[in-house]
Amino acid sequence: MSTNSVEAVHRQFRKLTKTKGGFANENSLLKLLYAGILKASERWTHPIQNWDLTLSL
């Protein structure tokens, strides 16, 4: 796992938790982070647009 991918996960966690005041317990936080990672991982599997063009340069 590269530094960029670790930073991307960290960014997703910050985005999910920054607007929350607090959590009732540890499980509620873990559920939120798990659901957020599932949603974010859908976007990470999409192909990069114009990748062939970028490689040919």
N, C-alpha and C. Protein backbone atom coordinates (compact mmCIF):
# COMPACT_ATOMS: atom_id res chain seq x y z
N MET A 1 0.86 -1.17 0.00
CA MET A 1 0.00 0.00 0.00
C MET A 1 0.91 1.24 0.00
N SER A 2 0.64 2.15 -0.90
CA SER A 2 1.50 3.34 -1.00
C SER A 2 1.03 4.43 -0.03
N THR A 3 1.86 5.42 0.11
CA THR A 3 1.54 6.55 0.99
C THR A 3 0.28 7.26 0.52
N ASN A 4 0.12 7.41 -0.80
CA ASN A 4 -1.05 8.09 -1.32
C ASN A 4 -2.34 7.36 -0.97
N SER A 5 -2.32 6.04 -1.03
CA SER A 5 -3.54 5.29 -0.70
C SER A 5 -3.85 5.38 0.79
N VAL A 6 -2.83 5.39 1.63
CA VAL A 6 -3.05 5.55 3.07
C VAL A 6 -3.63 6.94 3.34
N GLU A 7 -3.10 7.94 2.69
CA GLU A 7 -3.61 9.30 2.87
C GLU A 7 -5.04 9.42 2.36
N ALA A 8 -5.39 8.69 1.31
CA ALA A 8 -6.75 8.72 0.78
C ALA A 8 -7.73 8.13 1.80
N VAL A 9 -7.34 7.04 2.44
CA VAL A 9 -8.20 6.44 3.46
C VAL A 9 -8.33 7.39 4.65
N HIS A 10 -7.23 7.99 5.05
CA HIS A 10 -7.26 8.93 6.18
C HIS A 10 -8.17 10.12 5.85
N ARG A 11 -8.09 10.62 4.63
CA ARG A 11 -8.94 11.73 4.19
C ARG A 11 -10.41 11.35 4.28
N GLN A 12 -10.75 10.12 3.86
CA GLN A 12 -12.13 9.66 3.95
C GLN A 12 -12.59 9.60 5.40
N PHE A 13 -11.75 9.11 6.29
CA PHE A 13 -12.10 9.04 7.71
C PHE A 13 -12.34 10.44 8.27
N ARG A 14 -11.47 11.38 7.94
CA ARG A 14 -11.64 12.76 8.43
C ARG A 14 -12.94 13.35 7.91
N LYS A 15 -13.23 13.12 6.64
CA LYS A 15 -14.44 13.67 6.03
C LYS A 15 -15.69 13.13 6.74
N LEU A 16 -15.66 11.85 7.10
CA LEU A 16 -16.80 11.24 7.76
C LEU A 16 -16.99 11.72 9.19
N THR A 17 -15.92 11.98 9.89
CA THR A 17 -16.02 12.25 11.32
C THR A 17 -15.95 13.73 11.69
N LYS A 18 -15.56 14.60 10.78
CA LYS A 18 -15.33 16.00 11.18
C LYS A 18 -16.61 16.73 11.57
N THR A 19 -17.75 16.34 11.02
CA THR A 19 -18.99 17.05 11.33
C THR A 19 -19.75 16.42 12.49
N LYS A 20 -19.26 15.33 13.02
CA LYS A 20 -19.93 14.65 14.13
C LYS A 20 -19.41 15.20 15.45
N GLY A 21 -20.31 15.47 16.35
CA GLY A 21 -19.91 16.00 17.65
C GLY A 21 -19.28 14.94 18.54
N GLY A 22 -19.84 13.76 18.49
CA GLY A 22 -19.32 12.67 19.32
C GLY A 22 -20.03 11.39 18.95
N PHE A 23 -19.60 10.32 19.54
CA PHE A 23 -20.18 9.02 19.26
C PHE A 23 -20.60 8.37 20.57
N ALA A 24 -21.72 7.66 20.51
CA ALA A 24 -22.26 7.03 21.71
C ALA A 24 -21.30 5.97 22.26
N ASN A 25 -20.66 5.24 21.36
CA ASN A 25 -19.69 4.23 21.78
C ASN A 25 -18.76 3.92 20.62
N GLU A 26 -17.80 3.07 20.87
CA GLU A 26 -16.80 2.74 19.86
C GLU A 26 -17.43 2.05 18.65
N ASN A 27 -18.44 1.20 18.89
CA ASN A 27 -19.07 0.49 17.79
C ASN A 27 -19.76 1.43 16.81
N SER A 28 -20.35 2.50 17.29
CA SER A 28 -21.01 3.44 16.38
C SER A 28 -19.99 4.11 15.47
N LEU A 29 -18.83 4.44 15.99
CA LEU A 29 -17.76 5.01 15.17
C LEU A 29 -17.26 3.99 14.15
N LEU A 30 -17.04 2.75 14.59
CA LEU A 30 -16.56 1.71 13.67
C LEU A 30 -17.56 1.44 12.55
N LYS A 31 -18.85 1.46 12.87
CA LYS A 31 -19.88 1.24 11.84
C LYS A 31 -19.86 2.37 10.81
N LEU A 32 -19.71 3.60 11.28
CA LEU A 32 -19.66 4.74 10.37
C LEU A 32 -18.45 4.64 9.45
N LEU A 33 -17.29 4.32 10.01
CA LEU A 33 -16.08 4.21 9.20
C LEU A 33 -16.16 3.04 8.22
N TYR A 34 -16.73 1.94 8.65
CA TYR A 34 -16.87 0.77 7.77
C TYR A 34 -17.77 1.11 6.59
N ALA A 35 -18.92 1.72 6.86
CA ALA A 35 -19.85 2.09 5.78
C ALA A 35 -19.20 3.11 4.84
N GLY A 36 -18.44 4.03 5.39
CA GLY A 36 -17.77 5.04 4.57
C GLY A 36 -16.71 4.43 3.68
N ILE A 37 -15.95 3.47 4.19
CA ILE A 37 -14.93 2.82 3.38
C ILE A 37 -15.56 1.98 2.28
N LEU A 38 -16.67 1.33 2.57
CA LEU A 38 -17.36 0.56 1.53
C LEU A 38 -17.78 1.48 0.39
N LYS A 39 -18.33 2.64 0.74
CA LYS A 39 -18.78 3.58 -0.29
C LYS A 39 -17.58 4.15 -1.06
N ALA A 40 -16.51 4.48 -0.37
CA ALA A 40 -15.33 5.05 -1.02
C ALA A 40 -14.65 4.02 -1.91
N SER A 41 -14.64 2.76 -1.50
CA SER A 41 -13.96 1.74 -2.29
C SER A 41 -14.65 1.50 -3.62
N GLU A 42 -15.92 1.83 -3.73
CA GLU A 42 -16.62 1.73 -5.02
C GLU A 42 -15.98 2.69 -6.02
N ARG A 43 -15.63 3.88 -5.58
CA ARG A 43 -15.02 4.87 -6.47
C ARG A 43 -13.59 4.51 -6.83
N TRP A 44 -12.89 3.84 -5.93
CA TRP A 44 -11.49 3.50 -6.16
C TRP A 44 -11.33 2.43 -7.23
N THR A 45 -12.40 1.71 -7.56
CA THR A 45 -12.29 0.64 -8.55
C THR A 45 -12.63 1.11 -9.95
N HIS A 46 -13.09 2.34 -10.10
CA HIS A 46 -13.41 2.86 -11.42
C HIS A 46 -12.11 3.09 -12.20
N PRO A 47 -12.15 2.83 -13.50
CA PRO A 47 -10.95 3.08 -14.30
C PRO A 47 -10.64 4.57 -14.39
N ILE A 48 -9.40 4.89 -14.55
CA ILE A 48 -8.99 6.28 -14.68
C ILE A 48 -9.28 6.75 -16.09
N GLN A 49 -9.95 7.89 -16.19
CA GLN A 49 -10.32 8.42 -17.49
C GLN A 49 -9.06 8.84 -18.27
N ASN A 50 -9.06 8.56 -19.56
CA ASN A 50 -8.00 8.95 -20.48
C ASN A 50 -6.63 8.40 -20.07
N TRP A 51 -6.60 7.26 -19.41
CA TRP A 51 -5.34 6.70 -18.95
C TRP A 51 -4.45 6.32 -20.14
N ASP A 52 -5.04 5.80 -21.22
CA ASP A 52 -4.26 5.44 -22.41
C ASP A 52 -3.57 6.67 -22.99
N LEU A 53 -4.28 7.78 -23.03
CA LEU A 53 -3.71 9.03 -23.53
C LEU A 53 -2.55 9.48 -22.64
N THR A 54 -2.73 9.37 -21.34
CA THR A 54 -1.68 9.77 -20.41
C THR A 54 -0.43 8.90 -20.58
N LEU A 55 -0.62 7.62 -20.75
CA LEU A 55 0.52 6.71 -20.92
C LEU A 55 1.26 6.96 -22.22
N SER A 56 0.55 7.41 -23.24
CA SER A 56 1.20 7.59 -24.55
C SER A 56 2.04 8.87 -24.62
N LEU A 57 1.89 9.75 -23.65
CA LEU A 57 2.64 11.02 -23.68
C LEU A 57 4.06 10.85 -23.28
